[in-house]
Amino acid sequence: MKNVSIIFVFLTLTLFISTAVANDIIITAKEKVEVYQNEKKAIAVGKAAATQNDLTVHGDQLTVFFSDNQNHKNDISKMNAQGNVHLKMPKADAFGARLEYYVKEDYMVIIGNPATIKNEKATVRASDNITYYPKLNKAIAKGNVIADNGKNKIYADIMETYFKTEKNGEQVLQRVEIPKNPKIITKDGNVTAQSGIYYPEQGKVFLYDDVVITQNNNVLKGSRAETDFNTGISKVLSGSKRVSGIWYEDE
């Protein structure tokens, strides 16, 4: 069956966003698109996709909710995708069981089994959800979060990821804040702390409060530490608390 394409204009088949810079959301589906005028929603079924600028949402089913604005046009207020959800972005892809896109507020929530964002350098998974804020260049992952670059892993309850836009318009990862219970696993050992922050360009994670480093059965404790992902080495930095450690001689 051929793709079904829809664009809603006023009360016909067009869903239009009236913003400072008007942007269309184009919706396609393999099976069908149903419009419910009284309920102000449309449902696309069967390998459905919604595209806005450089973002595309794929899912088994898309449900779009819209409302009248002051100009009596249709504004999209919310869009849900469910089943095999895939959010395709210029430099990354996100996957989950469900996606909720709050259009006016400009953020997306990816939910489920687990929620995943990945690019060519790393993968982040979360058991609860990942919330992405396109205009703020920010994403927040919650619930048993794991960040994996193929060599090292960071575990945490929450990770807050921030991007920056280069002069050529490319978005790059600027920093990852880990406000609660980070655990880092490298080829040489493990590090735990109460909080931390990761700077990808430096390849380093700085950890704070109740830091415990375990390497080759040796244990080192302090208030601040640094893990270098380039070398896999972790070390305690100078801080207000005394450094303590236990070393075991190789047999």
C-alpha atoms as a PDB file:
ATOM      1  CA  MET A   1       0.000   0.000   0.000  1.00  0.00           C
ATOM      2  CA  LYS A   2       1.299   3.456  -0.869  1.00  0.00           C
ATOM      3  CA  ASN A   3       2.318   5.927   1.829  1.00  0.00           C
ATOM      4  CA  VAL A   4      -0.429   8.220   3.093  1.00  0.00           C
ATOM      5  CA  SER A   5       0.770  11.837   3.497  1.00  0.00           C
ATOM      6  CA  ILE A   6      -1.189  14.542   5.322  1.00  0.00           C
ATOM      7  CA  ILE A   7      -0.777  18.272   5.867  1.00  0.00           C
ATOM      8  CA  PHE A   8      -3.648  19.909   7.775  1.00  0.00           C
ATOM      9  CA  VAL A   9      -4.470  23.529   6.793  1.00  0.00           C
ATOM     10  CA  PHE A  10      -7.373  25.011   8.814  1.00  0.00           C
ATOM     11  CA  LEU A  11     -10.072  22.332   8.827  1.00  0.00           C
ATOM     12  CA  THR A  12      -8.661  20.347   5.922  1.00  0.00           C
ATOM     13  CA  LEU A  13      -5.823  17.856   6.010  1.00  0.00           C
ATOM     14  CA  THR A  14      -2.995  19.953   7.437  1.00  0.00           C
ATOM     15  CA  LEU A  15      -1.420  20.164  10.887  1.00  0.00           C
ATOM     16  CA  PHE A  16       0.444  23.463  11.027  1.00  0.00           C
ATOM     17  CA  ILE A  17       2.545  25.070  13.749  1.00  0.00           C
ATOM     18  CA  SER A  18       2.168  28.841  14.027  1.00  0.00           C
ATOM     19  CA  THR A  19       5.402  30.023  15.592  1.00  0.00           C
ATOM     20  CA  ALA A  20       7.704  32.960  15.102  1.00  0.00           C
ATOM     21  CA  VAL A  21       9.221  30.899  12.310  1.00  0.00           C
ATOM     22  CA  ALA A  22       6.461  28.785  10.858  1.00  0.00           C
ATOM     23  CA  ASN A  23       7.441  25.134  10.610  1.00  0.00           C
ATOM     24  CA  ASP A  24       5.361  22.327   9.145  1.00  0.00           C
ATOM     25  CA  ILE A  25       5.137  18.881  10.646  1.00  0.00           C
ATOM     26  CA  ILE A  26       4.629  16.397   7.827  1.00  0.00           C
ATOM     27  CA  ILE A  27       3.102  13.057   8.820  1.00  0.00           C
ATOM     28  CA  THR A  28       3.165   9.867   6.759  1.00  0.00           C
ATOM     29  CA  ALA A  29       1.896   6.336   7.382  1.00  0.00           C
ATOM     30  CA  LYS A  30       1.874   3.009   5.543  1.00  0.00           C
ATOM     31  CA  GLU A  31      -1.656   1.928   6.519  1.00  0.00           C
ATOM     32  CA  LYS A  32      -3.980   4.823   7.332  1.00  0.00           C
ATOM     33  CA  VAL A  33      -4.441   8.301   8.765  1.00  0.00           C
ATOM     34  CA  GLU A  34      -7.655   9.048  10.662  1.00  0.00           C
ATOM     35  CA  VAL A  35      -8.767  12.599  11.519  1.00  0.00           C
ATOM     36  CA  TYR A  36     -11.131  13.260  14.443  1.00  0.00           C
ATOM     37  CA  GLN A  37     -12.246  16.886  14.070  1.00  0.00           C
ATOM     38  CA  ASN A  38     -14.427  16.983  17.192  1.00  0.00           C
ATOM     39  CA  GLU A  39     -11.644  15.540  19.348  1.00  0.00           C
ATOM     40  CA  LYS A  40      -9.036  17.675  17.561  1.00  0.00           C
ATOM     41  CA  LYS A  41      -6.648  14.836  16.909  1.00  0.00           C
ATOM     42  CA  ALA A  42      -5.294  12.688  14.098  1.00  0.00           C
ATOM     43  CA  ILE A  43      -3.960   9.126  14.250  1.00  0.00           C
ATOM     44  CA  ALA A  44      -1.429   7.689  11.793  1.00  0.00           C
ATOM     45  CA  VAL A  45      -1.026   3.899  11.805  1.00  0.00           C
ATOM     46  CA  GLY A  46       1.576   1.576  10.309  1.00  0.00           C
ATOM     47  CA  LYS A  47       5.228   2.635  10.141  1.00  0.00           C
ATOM     48  CA  ALA A  48       4.141   6.194  10.843  1.00  0.00           C
ATOM     49  CA  ALA A  49       6.592   9.101  10.692  1.00  0.00           C
ATOM     50  CA  ALA A  50       6.483  12.801  11.570  1.00  0.00           C
ATOM     51  CA  THR A  51       9.137  15.194  10.259  1.00  0.00           C
ATOM     52  CA  GLN A  52       9.863  18.753  11.379  1.00  0.00           C
ATOM     53  CA  ASN A  53      13.003  20.437  10.063  1.00  0.00           C
ATOM     54  CA  ASP A  54      15.863  18.023  10.834  1.00  0.00           C
ATOM     55  CA  LEU A  55      13.959  15.870  13.375  1.00  0.00           C
ATOM     56  CA  THR A  56      11.974  12.765  12.387  1.00  0.00           C
ATOM     57  CA  VAL A  57       9.907  10.568  14.721  1.00  0.00           C
ATOM     58  CA  HIS A  58       9.090   7.014  13.630  1.00  0.00           C
ATOM     59  CA  GLY A  59       6.633   4.693  15.378  1.00  0.00           C
ATOM     60  CA  ASP A  60       4.009   2.012  14.827  1.00  0.00           C
ATOM     61  CA  GLN A  61       1.388   4.666  15.611  1.00  0.00           C
ATOM     62  CA  LEU A  62       1.415   8.455  15.933  1.00  0.00           C
ATOM     63  CA  THR A  63      -1.309  10.485  17.618  1.00  0.00           C
ATOM     64  CA  VAL A  64      -1.315  14.248  17.048  1.00  0.00           C
ATOM     65  CA  PHE A  65      -3.386  16.646  19.170  1.00  0.00           C
ATOM     66  CA  PHE A  66      -4.129  20.157  17.937  1.00  0.00           C
ATOM     67  CA  SER A  67      -6.025  23.279  19.020  1.00  0.00           C
ATOM     68  CA  ASP A  68      -7.260  26.524  17.447  1.00  0.00           C
ATOM     69  CA  ASN A  69      -5.103  29.607  17.855  1.00  0.00           C
ATOM     70  CA  GLN A  70      -6.118  33.270  17.741  1.00  0.00           C
ATOM     71  CA  ASN A  71      -5.958  33.244  13.949  1.00  0.00           C
ATOM     72  CA  HIS A  72      -8.348  30.271  13.818  1.00  0.00           C
ATOM     73  CA  LYS A  73      -5.614  28.025  12.529  1.00  0.00           C
ATOM     74  CA  ASN A  74      -4.670  24.607  13.873  1.00  0.00           C
ATOM     75  CA  ASP A  75      -1.649  24.464  16.197  1.00  0.00           C
ATOM     76  CA  ILE A  76      -0.148  21.153  17.243  1.00  0.00           C
ATOM     77  CA  SER A  77      -0.088  21.004  21.027  1.00  0.00           C
ATOM     78  CA  LYS A  78       1.223  17.460  21.541  1.00  0.00           C
ATOM     79  CA  MET A  79       2.271  14.375  19.635  1.00  0.00           C
ATOM     80  CA  ASN A  80       2.617  10.796  20.913  1.00  0.00           C
ATOM     81  CA  ALA A  81       4.463   7.955  19.212  1.00  0.00           C
ATOM     82  CA  GLN A  82       4.272   4.379  20.398  1.00  0.00           C
ATOM     83  CA  GLY A  83       5.697   1.059  19.355  1.00  0.00           C
ATOM     84  CA  ASN A  84       9.259   0.756  17.996  1.00  0.00           C
ATOM     85  CA  VAL A  85       9.877   4.472  18.465  1.00  0.00           C
ATOM     86  CA  HIS A  86      12.891   5.956  16.696  1.00  0.00           C
ATOM     87  CA  LEU A  87      13.777   9.651  16.942  1.00  0.00           C
ATOM     88  CA  LYS A  88      16.269  10.558  14.233  1.00  0.00           C
ATOM     89  CA  MET A  89      18.373  13.682  14.811  1.00  0.00           C
ATOM     90  CA  PRO A  90      21.284  15.112  12.788  1.00  0.00           C
ATOM     91  CA  LYS A  91      24.017  13.719  15.042  1.00  0.00           C
ATOM     92  CA  ALA A  92      22.216  11.116  17.157  1.00  0.00           C
ATOM     93  CA  ASP A  93      19.372   8.605  17.305  1.00  0.00           C
ATOM     94  CA  ALA A  94      16.963   7.848  20.152  1.00  0.00           C
ATOM     95  CA  PHE A  95      14.896   4.707  20.723  1.00  0.00           C
ATOM     96  CA  GLY A  96      12.124   3.656  23.098  1.00  0.00           C
ATOM     97  CA  ALA A  97       8.678   2.127  23.497  1.00  0.00           C
ATOM     98  CA  ARG A  98       6.952   5.521  23.603  1.00  0.00           C
ATOM     99  CA  LEU A  99       7.679   9.178  22.867  1.00  0.00           C
ATOM    100  CA  GLU A 100       5.727  12.230  24.029  1.00  0.00           C
ATOM    101  CA  TYR A 101       6.464  15.471  22.160  1.00  0.00           C
ATOM    102  CA  TYR A 102       5.145  18.658  23.796  1.00  0.00           C
ATOM    103  CA  VAL A 103       5.350  20.937  20.788  1.00  0.00           C
ATOM    104  CA  LYS A 104       4.657  24.380  22.281  1.00  0.00           C
ATOM    105  CA  GLU A 105       6.927  23.730  25.259  1.00  0.00           C
ATOM    106  CA  ASP A 106       9.489  22.227  22.855  1.00  0.00           C
ATOM    107  CA  TYR A 107      10.586  19.100  24.693  1.00  0.00           C
ATOM    108  CA  MET A 108      10.326  15.358  24.135  1.00  0.00           C
ATOM    109  CA  VAL A 109      10.122  12.474  26.616  1.00  0.00           C
ATOM    110  CA  ILE A 110      11.400   9.065  25.470  1.00  0.00           C
ATOM    111  CA  ILE A 111      10.137   6.179  27.601  1.00  0.00           C
ATOM    112  CA  GLY A 112      10.883   2.554  27.881  1.00  0.00           C
ATOM    113  CA  ASN A 113      12.736  -0.708  27.837  1.00  0.00           C
ATOM    114  CA  PRO A 114      15.146   1.137  28.147  1.00  0.00           C
ATOM    115  CA  ALA A 115      15.073   4.639  26.662  1.00  0.00           C
ATOM    116  CA  THR A 116      18.223   5.007  24.557  1.00  0.00           C
ATOM    117  CA  ILE A 117      20.176   7.788  22.858  1.00  0.00           C
ATOM    118  CA  LYS A 118      23.291   6.993  20.854  1.00  0.00           C
ATOM    119  CA  ASN A 119      25.722   8.555  18.418  1.00  0.00           C
ATOM    120  CA  GLU A 120      28.979   7.413  16.848  1.00  0.00           C
ATOM    121  CA  LYS A 121      30.890   7.906  20.107  1.00  0.00           C
ATOM    122  CA  ALA A 122      28.630   6.709  22.944  1.00  0.00           C
ATOM    123  CA  THR A 123      25.301   5.201  24.003  1.00  0.00           C
ATOM    124  CA  VAL A 124      23.146   6.332  26.952  1.00  0.00           C
ATOM    125  CA  ARG A 125      20.389   4.103  28.352  1.00  0.00           C
ATOM    126  CA  ALA A 126      17.856   4.867  31.110  1.00  0.00           C
ATOM    127  CA  SER A 127      15.193   2.623  32.656  1.00  0.00           C
ATOM    128  CA  ASP A 128      12.753   5.492  33.351  1.00  0.00           C
ATOM    129  CA  ASN A 129      13.003   8.078  30.585  1.00  0.00           C
ATOM    130  CA  ILE A 130      15.159  10.522  28.661  1.00  0.00           C
ATOM    131  CA  THR A 131      13.864  14.077  28.176  1.00  0.00           C
ATOM    132  CA  TYR A 132      15.290  16.073  25.279  1.00  0.00           C
ATOM    133  CA  TYR A 133      15.057  19.883  24.961  1.00  0.00           C
ATOM    134  CA  PRO A 134      16.038  20.775  21.349  1.00  0.00           C
ATOM    135  CA  LYS A 135      16.227  24.562  21.763  1.00  0.00           C
ATOM    136  CA  LEU A 136      18.101  24.313  25.068  1.00  0.00           C
ATOM    137  CA  ASN A 137      20.609  21.780  23.700  1.00  0.00           C
ATOM    138  CA  LYS A 138      19.956  19.645  26.750  1.00  0.00           C
ATOM    139  CA  ALA A 139      18.919  16.084  27.626  1.00  0.00           C
ATOM    140  CA  ILE A 140      18.165  14.513  31.021  1.00  0.00           C
ATOM    141  CA  ALA A 141      18.263  10.736  31.572  1.00  0.00           C
ATOM    142  CA  LYS A 142      16.653   9.212  34.681  1.00  0.00           C
ATOM    143  CA  GLY A 143      16.639   5.772  36.276  1.00  0.00           C
ATOM    144  CA  ASN A 144      19.555   3.313  36.252  1.00  0.00           C
ATOM    145  CA  VAL A 145      21.404   5.379  33.664  1.00  0.00           C
ATOM    146  CA  ILE A 146      24.349   3.838  31.818  1.00  0.00           C
ATOM    147  CA  ALA A 147      26.653   5.787  29.504  1.00  0.00           C
ATOM    148  CA  ASP A 148      28.946   3.538  27.468  1.00  0.00           C
ATOM    149  CA  ASN A 149      31.629   4.625  24.979  1.00  0.00           C
ATOM    150  CA  GLY A 150      32.764   1.083  24.248  1.00  0.00           C
ATOM    151  CA  LYS A 151      35.712   1.262  26.641  1.00  0.00           C
ATOM    152  CA  ASN A 152      34.385   2.833  29.832  1.00  0.00           C
ATOM    153  CA  LYS A 153      30.991   2.983  31.526  1.00  0.00           C
ATOM    154  CA  ILE A 154      29.369   5.573  33.783  1.00  0.00           C
ATOM    155  CA  TYR A 155      26.439   4.524  35.980  1.00  0.00           C
ATOM    156  CA  ALA A 156      24.175   7.028  37.757  1.00  0.00           C
ATOM    157  CA  ASP A 157      20.628   7.715  38.938  1.00  0.00           C
ATOM    158  CA  ILE A 158      20.466  10.864  36.775  1.00  0.00           C
ATOM    159  CA  MET A 159      22.596  12.325  33.980  1.00  0.00           C
ATOM    160  CA  GLU A 160      22.166  15.820  32.531  1.00  0.00           C
ATOM    161  CA  THR A 161      23.764  16.249  29.109  1.00  0.00           C
ATOM    162  CA  TYR A 162      24.518  19.640  27.554  1.00  0.00           C
ATOM    163  CA  PHE A 163      25.487  20.382  23.956  1.00  0.00           C
ATOM    164  CA  LYS A 164      26.985  23.434  22.291  1.00  0.00           C
ATOM    165  CA  THR A 165      26.694  24.720  18.740  1.00  0.00           C
ATOM    166  CA  GLU A 166      29.910  25.338  16.857  1.00  0.00           C
ATOM    167  CA  LYS A 167      30.391  28.178  14.343  1.00  0.00           C
ATOM    168  CA  ASN A 168      29.661  25.768  11.496  1.00  0.00           C
ATOM    169  CA  GLY A 169      26.311  24.939  13.121  1.00  0.00           C
ATOM    170  CA  GLU A 170      27.355  21.489  14.299  1.00  0.00           C
ATOM    171  CA  GLN A 171      26.228  20.388  17.760  1.00  0.00           C
ATOM    172  CA  VAL A 172      28.850  18.747  19.963  1.00  0.00           C
ATOM    173  CA  LEU A 173      28.701  17.330  23.461  1.00  0.00           C
ATOM    174  CA  GLN A 174      29.904  19.957  25.945  1.00  0.00           C
ATOM    175  CA  ARG A 175      29.512  18.321  29.353  1.00  0.00           C
ATOM    176  CA  VAL A 176      27.600  15.696  31.315  1.00  0.00           C
ATOM    177  CA  GLU A 177      26.544  16.529  34.866  1.00  0.00           C
ATOM    178  CA  ILE A 178      26.014  13.611  37.244  1.00  0.00           C
ATOM    179  CA  PRO A 179      24.273  15.013  40.324  1.00  0.00           C
ATOM    180  CA  LYS A 180      23.658  11.735  42.133  1.00  0.00           C
ATOM    181  CA  ASN A 181      25.643   8.550  42.785  1.00  0.00           C
ATOM    182  CA  PRO A 182      28.003   8.220  39.812  1.00  0.00           C
ATOM    183  CA  LYS A 183      29.944   4.999  39.383  1.00  0.00           C
ATOM    184  CA  ILE A 184      32.682   4.733  36.776  1.00  0.00           C
ATOM    185  CA  ILE A 185      34.095   1.460  35.472  1.00  0.00           C
ATOM    186  CA  THR A 186      37.321   1.540  33.453  1.00  0.00           C
ATOM    187  CA  LYS A 187      39.727  -1.181  32.375  1.00  0.00           C
ATOM    188  CA  ASP A 188      41.855  -0.452  35.465  1.00  0.00           C
ATOM    189  CA  GLY A 189      39.230  -0.157  38.196  1.00  0.00           C
ATOM    190  CA  ASN A 190      36.093   1.425  39.631  1.00  0.00           C
ATOM    191  CA  VAL A 191      35.311   4.850  41.096  1.00  0.00           C
ATOM    192  CA  THR A 192      32.252   5.918  43.112  1.00  0.00           C
ATOM    193  CA  ALA A 193      31.242   9.331  44.514  1.00  0.00           C
ATOM    194  CA  GLN A 194      28.234  11.448  45.412  1.00  0.00           C
ATOM    195  CA  SER A 195      28.372  13.632  42.268  1.00  0.00           C
ATOM    196  CA  GLY A 196      30.482  14.346  39.226  1.00  0.00           C
ATOM    197  CA  ILE A 197      30.878  16.117  35.892  1.00  0.00           C
ATOM    198  CA  TYR A 198      32.258  14.781  32.603  1.00  0.00           C
ATOM    199  CA  TYR A 199      34.047  16.909  29.986  1.00  0.00           C
ATOM    200  CA  PRO A 200      34.206  14.903  26.731  1.00  0.00           C
ATOM    201  CA  GLU A 201      36.722  17.175  24.993  1.00  0.00           C
ATOM    202  CA  GLN A 202      39.168  16.560  27.834  1.00  0.00           C
ATOM    203  CA  GLY A 203      38.144  12.936  28.232  1.00  0.00           C
ATOM    204  CA  LYS A 204      37.976  13.478  31.991  1.00  0.00           C
ATOM    205  CA  VAL A 205      35.436  13.025  34.776  1.00  0.00           C
ATOM    206  CA  PHE A 206      35.749  15.029  38.002  1.00  0.00           C
ATOM    207  CA  LEU A 207      34.112  13.457  41.072  1.00  0.00           C
ATOM    208  CA  TYR A 208      33.142  14.978  44.390  1.00  0.00           C
ATOM    209  CA  ASP A 209      32.419  13.875  47.969  1.00  0.00           C
ATOM    210  CA  ASP A 210      32.957  10.415  49.455  1.00  0.00           C
ATOM    211  CA  VAL A 211      35.129   9.338  46.547  1.00  0.00           C
ATOM    212  CA  VAL A 212      36.292   5.710  46.572  1.00  0.00           C
ATOM    213  CA  ILE A 213      38.788   4.476  43.957  1.00  0.00           C
ATOM    214  CA  THR A 214      39.422   0.749  43.585  1.00  0.00           C
ATOM    215  CA  GLN A 215      42.282  -0.291  41.296  1.00  0.00           C
ATOM    216  CA  ASN A 216      44.052  -3.666  41.327  1.00  0.00           C
ATOM    217  CA  ASN A 217      42.503  -4.455  44.734  1.00  0.00           C
ATOM    218  CA  ASN A 218      43.911  -1.197  46.147  1.00  0.00           C
ATOM    219  CA  VAL A 219      41.448   1.248  47.717  1.00  0.00           C
ATOM    220  CA  LEU A 220      41.903   5.024  47.848  1.00  0.00           C
ATOM    221  CA  LYS A 221      39.433   7.445  49.467  1.00  0.00           C
ATOM    222  CA  GLY A 222      39.132  11.224  49.342  1.00  0.00           C
ATOM    223  CA  SER A 223      36.854  14.192  48.734  1.00  0.00           C
ATOM    224  CA  ARG A 224      37.760  14.878  45.063  1.00  0.00           C
ATOM    225  CA  ALA A 225      39.033  12.724  42.229  1.00  0.00           C
ATOM    226  CA  GLU A 226      39.694  12.693  38.502  1.00  0.00           C
ATOM    227  CA  THR A 227      39.255   9.828  36.049  1.00  0.00           C
ATOM    228  CA  ASP A 228      41.008  10.099  32.697  1.00  0.00           C
ATOM    229  CA  PHE A 229      39.160   8.074  30.051  1.00  0.00           C
ATOM    230  CA  ASN A 230      42.132   8.364  27.696  1.00  0.00           C
ATOM    231  CA  THR A 231      44.432   6.487  30.059  1.00  0.00           C
ATOM    232  CA  GLY A 232      41.905   4.732  32.333  1.00  0.00           C
ATOM    233  CA  ILE A 233      43.744   6.129  35.364  1.00  0.00           C
ATOM    234  CA  SER A 234      41.928   7.593  38.368  1.00  0.00           C
ATOM    235  CA  LYS A 235      43.574   9.749  41.004  1.00  0.00           C
ATOM    236  CA  VAL A 236      42.598  11.626  44.151  1.00  0.00           C
ATOM    237  CA  LEU A 237      42.982  15.416  43.986  1.00  0.00           C
ATOM    238  CA  SER A 238      43.836  17.763  46.850  1.00  0.00           C
ATOM    239  CA  GLY A 239      40.815  18.642  48.945  1.00  0.00           C
ATOM    240  CA  SER A 240      39.666  19.606  52.400  1.00  0.00           C
ATOM    241  CA  LYS A 241      39.621  16.028  53.689  1.00  0.00           C
ATOM    242  CA  ARG A 242      42.571  13.747  54.334  1.00  0.00           C
ATOM    243  CA  VAL A 243      43.278  11.051  51.758  1.00  0.00           C
ATOM    244  CA  SER A 244      43.289   7.458  52.993  1.00  0.00           C
ATOM    245  CA  GLY A 245      44.076   4.175  51.271  1.00  0.00           C
ATOM    246  CA  ILE A 246      44.723   0.474  51.494  1.00  0.00           C
ATOM    247  CA  TRP A 247      47.317  -1.202  49.256  1.00  0.00           C
ATOM    248  CA  TYR A 248      47.894  -4.882  48.712  1.00  0.00           C
ATOM    249  CA  GLU A 249      51.221  -6.235  47.514  1.00  0.00           C
ATOM    250  CA  ASP A 250      51.168  -8.551  44.532  1.00  0.00           C
ATOM    251  CA  GLU A 251      51.934 -12.109  45.460  1.00  0.00           C
END
